[in-house]
Structure formats: C-alpha cells, structure tokens
Amino acid sequence: MTDYTHLPICNDALKVKRGKVSDLRQSMLESDIRALELQGFIKNAISNDGLTWSLTKRGEEVRDYFLSKRSRFAKVADWTLRNIFRMNIVI
C-alpha cells in the first residue's frame, strides 16, 4: 500500500481543521501552505485573533481519502483491473 503521509494535505497540523496561520507555519513550509490554498484545500480569513485558516469540505474529503484504509473489495478490484484486464489507471 502506498504511504501518502508525506503529502501536505496529510500533515498532522491539519487534523484540527482550523486555527491560526502562525500556528500552521510552525509545522508546515510556506510553500506547502500556499499550495494547499491554491488547490482549494484550505481557505484564509481575517478575524480578531489575526489571520486564520480552515480546511474546506474538499480538503476534508481529500485528507480522509488519503488517510483511510482501503477495503478488501477495492484492493481486489484494483488487482483485477491491473493484472487481468491490464488496465493501469492513475488518477
């Protein structure tokens, strides 16, 4: 199984789903934060506490997808497509 924990969307700092940008910068690179913004996974806002961020619905779905365990059915279906039908599909 592929390990996706190196992706910025899988960073442990995003587990809380919202917070201050300054706290996020302590655990992530500025370029990773910017990439998440451009991909629509997080959004920024200005509040009384300062610059804040929150995980979008799309960001939550993508994060859950990468961090979830695949079912046996999905593994068998992928094996069947790859080895029997010789279809190598990359999303």
C-alpha atoms as a PDB file:
ATOM      1  CA  MET A   1       0.000   0.000   0.000  1.00  0.00           C
ATOM      2  CA  THR A   2       1.241   3.464  -0.818  1.00  0.00           C
ATOM      3  CA  ASP A   3       2.014   5.785   2.073  1.00  0.00           C
ATOM      4  CA  TYR A   4       0.619   9.269   1.439  1.00  0.00           C
ATOM      5  CA  THR A   5       1.638  10.832   4.761  1.00  0.00           C
ATOM      6  CA  HIS A   6       4.355  12.880   3.036  1.00  0.00           C
ATOM      7  CA  LEU A   7       1.706  14.966   1.230  1.00  0.00           C
ATOM      8  CA  PRO A   8       0.944  18.417   2.680  1.00  0.00           C
ATOM      9  CA  ILE A   9      -2.792  17.611   2.942  1.00  0.00           C
ATOM     10  CA  CYS A  10      -1.929  14.714   5.299  1.00  0.00           C
ATOM     11  CA  ASN A  11       0.086  16.866   7.719  1.00  0.00           C
ATOM     12  CA  ASP A  12      -0.879  16.399  11.382  1.00  0.00           C
ATOM     13  CA  ALA A  13      -1.315  20.171  11.760  1.00  0.00           C
ATOM     14  CA  LEU A  14      -4.468  19.968   9.605  1.00  0.00           C
ATOM     15  CA  LYS A  15      -6.069  17.481  11.995  1.00  0.00           C
ATOM     16  CA  VAL A  16      -7.717  20.323  13.962  1.00  0.00           C
ATOM     17  CA  LYS A  17      -9.412  21.637  10.753  1.00  0.00           C
ATOM     18  CA  ARG A  18      -8.997  25.328  11.694  1.00  0.00           C
ATOM     19  CA  GLY A  19      -6.672  27.650  13.524  1.00  0.00           C
ATOM     20  CA  LYS A  20      -4.204  30.495  13.224  1.00  0.00           C
ATOM     21  CA  VAL A  21      -1.936  30.687  10.216  1.00  0.00           C
ATOM     22  CA  SER A  22       1.015  31.433  12.507  1.00  0.00           C
ATOM     23  CA  ASP A  23       0.500  28.058  14.231  1.00  0.00           C
ATOM     24  CA  LEU A  24       0.259  26.333  10.861  1.00  0.00           C
ATOM     25  CA  ARG A  25       3.534  27.925   9.718  1.00  0.00           C
ATOM     26  CA  GLN A  26       5.337  26.338  12.669  1.00  0.00           C
ATOM     27  CA  SER A  27       4.666  22.829  11.396  1.00  0.00           C
ATOM     28  CA  MET A  28       4.488  23.328   7.609  1.00  0.00           C
ATOM     29  CA  LEU A  29       6.533  25.062   4.953  1.00  0.00           C
ATOM     30  CA  GLU A  30       5.195  28.299   3.497  1.00  0.00           C
ATOM     31  CA  SER A  31       5.223  26.751   0.019  1.00  0.00           C
ATOM     32  CA  ASP A  32       3.088  23.815   1.232  1.00  0.00           C
ATOM     33  CA  ILE A  33       0.556  26.185   2.797  1.00  0.00           C
ATOM     34  CA  ARG A  34       0.397  28.205  -0.413  1.00  0.00           C
ATOM     35  CA  ALA A  35      -0.061  25.029  -2.480  1.00  0.00           C
ATOM     36  CA  LEU A  36      -2.962  23.939  -0.250  1.00  0.00           C
ATOM     37  CA  GLU A  37      -4.572  27.370  -0.712  1.00  0.00           C
ATOM     38  CA  LEU A  38      -4.189  27.248  -4.498  1.00  0.00           C
ATOM     39  CA  GLN A  39      -5.645  23.736  -4.663  1.00  0.00           C
ATOM     40  CA  GLY A  40      -8.652  24.848  -2.628  1.00  0.00           C
ATOM     41  CA  PHE A  41      -7.965  22.616   0.372  1.00  0.00           C
ATOM     42  CA  ILE A  42      -7.711  25.454   2.907  1.00  0.00           C
ATOM     43  CA  LYS A  43      -9.076  28.979   2.997  1.00  0.00           C
ATOM     44  CA  ASN A  44      -7.848  32.009   4.882  1.00  0.00           C
ATOM     45  CA  ALA A  45      -9.795  34.663   6.734  1.00  0.00           C
ATOM     46  CA  ILE A  46      -9.062  37.649   8.939  1.00  0.00           C
ATOM     47  CA  SER A  47     -10.577  37.690  12.412  1.00  0.00           C
ATOM     48  CA  ASN A  48      -9.964  39.462  15.708  1.00  0.00           C
ATOM     49  CA  ASP A  49      -7.316  36.831  16.501  1.00  0.00           C
ATOM     50  CA  GLY A  50      -5.424  37.607  13.299  1.00  0.00           C
ATOM     51  CA  LEU A  51      -5.020  35.615  10.111  1.00  0.00           C
ATOM     52  CA  THR A  52      -6.826  32.284  10.403  1.00  0.00           C
ATOM     53  CA  TRP A  53      -7.240  29.226   8.194  1.00  0.00           C
ATOM     54  CA  SER A  54      -9.823  26.478   7.891  1.00  0.00           C
ATOM     55  CA  LEU A  55      -9.975  23.221   5.997  1.00  0.00           C
ATOM     56  CA  THR A  56     -12.562  23.287   3.204  1.00  0.00           C
ATOM     57  CA  LYS A  57     -15.029  20.478   2.586  1.00  0.00           C
ATOM     58  CA  ARG A  58     -12.978  19.416  -0.415  1.00  0.00           C
ATOM     59  CA  GLY A  59      -9.851  19.444   1.739  1.00  0.00           C
ATOM     60  CA  GLU A  60     -11.529  17.256   4.352  1.00  0.00           C
ATOM     61  CA  GLU A  61     -12.644  14.768   1.689  1.00  0.00           C
ATOM     62  CA  VAL A  62      -9.191  14.543   0.106  1.00  0.00           C
ATOM     63  CA  ARG A  63      -7.497  14.242   3.508  1.00  0.00           C
ATOM     64  CA  ASP A  64      -9.903  11.492   4.584  1.00  0.00           C
ATOM     65  CA  TYR A  65      -9.352   9.664   1.283  1.00  0.00           C
ATOM     66  CA  PHE A  66      -5.566   9.625   1.639  1.00  0.00           C
ATOM     67  CA  LEU A  67      -5.597   8.693   5.321  1.00  0.00           C
ATOM     68  CA  SER A  68      -8.284   5.997   5.115  1.00  0.00           C
ATOM     69  CA  LYS A  69      -7.542   2.317   4.815  1.00  0.00           C
ATOM     70  CA  ARG A  70      -8.633   0.663   1.588  1.00  0.00           C
ATOM     71  CA  SER A  71     -11.231  -2.075   1.757  1.00  0.00           C
ATOM     72  CA  ARG A  72     -10.547  -5.606   0.554  1.00  0.00           C
ATOM     73  CA  PHE A  73     -13.031  -5.102  -2.255  1.00  0.00           C
ATOM     74  CA  ALA A  74     -11.088  -2.072  -3.500  1.00  0.00           C
ATOM     75  CA  LYS A  75      -7.815  -4.000  -3.343  1.00  0.00           C
ATOM     76  CA  VAL A  76      -9.291  -6.955  -5.274  1.00  0.00           C
ATOM     77  CA  ALA A  77     -10.871  -4.635  -7.844  1.00  0.00           C
ATOM     78  CA  ASP A  78      -7.552  -2.834  -8.393  1.00  0.00           C
ATOM     79  CA  TRP A  79      -5.675  -6.130  -8.696  1.00  0.00           C
ATOM     80  CA  THR A  80      -8.243  -7.412 -11.204  1.00  0.00           C
ATOM     81  CA  LEU A  81      -8.038  -4.294 -13.354  1.00  0.00           C
ATOM     82  CA  ARG A  82      -4.258  -4.230 -13.264  1.00  0.00           C
ATOM     83  CA  ASN A  83      -3.435  -7.937 -13.684  1.00  0.00           C
ATOM     84  CA  ILE A  84      -6.353  -9.448 -15.589  1.00  0.00           C
ATOM     85  CA  PHE A  85      -7.568  -6.585 -17.776  1.00  0.00           C
ATOM     86  CA  ARG A  86      -4.097  -4.955 -17.994  1.00  0.00           C
ATOM     87  CA  MET A  87      -5.514  -1.526 -17.173  1.00  0.00           C
ATOM     88  CA  ASN A  88      -3.193   0.735 -15.244  1.00  0.00           C
ATOM     89  CA  ILE A  89      -5.297   3.756 -14.309  1.00  0.00           C
ATOM     90  CA  VAL A  90      -3.681   6.657 -12.483  1.00  0.00           C
ATOM     91  CA  ILE A  91      -5.836   9.400 -11.020  1.00  0.00           C
END
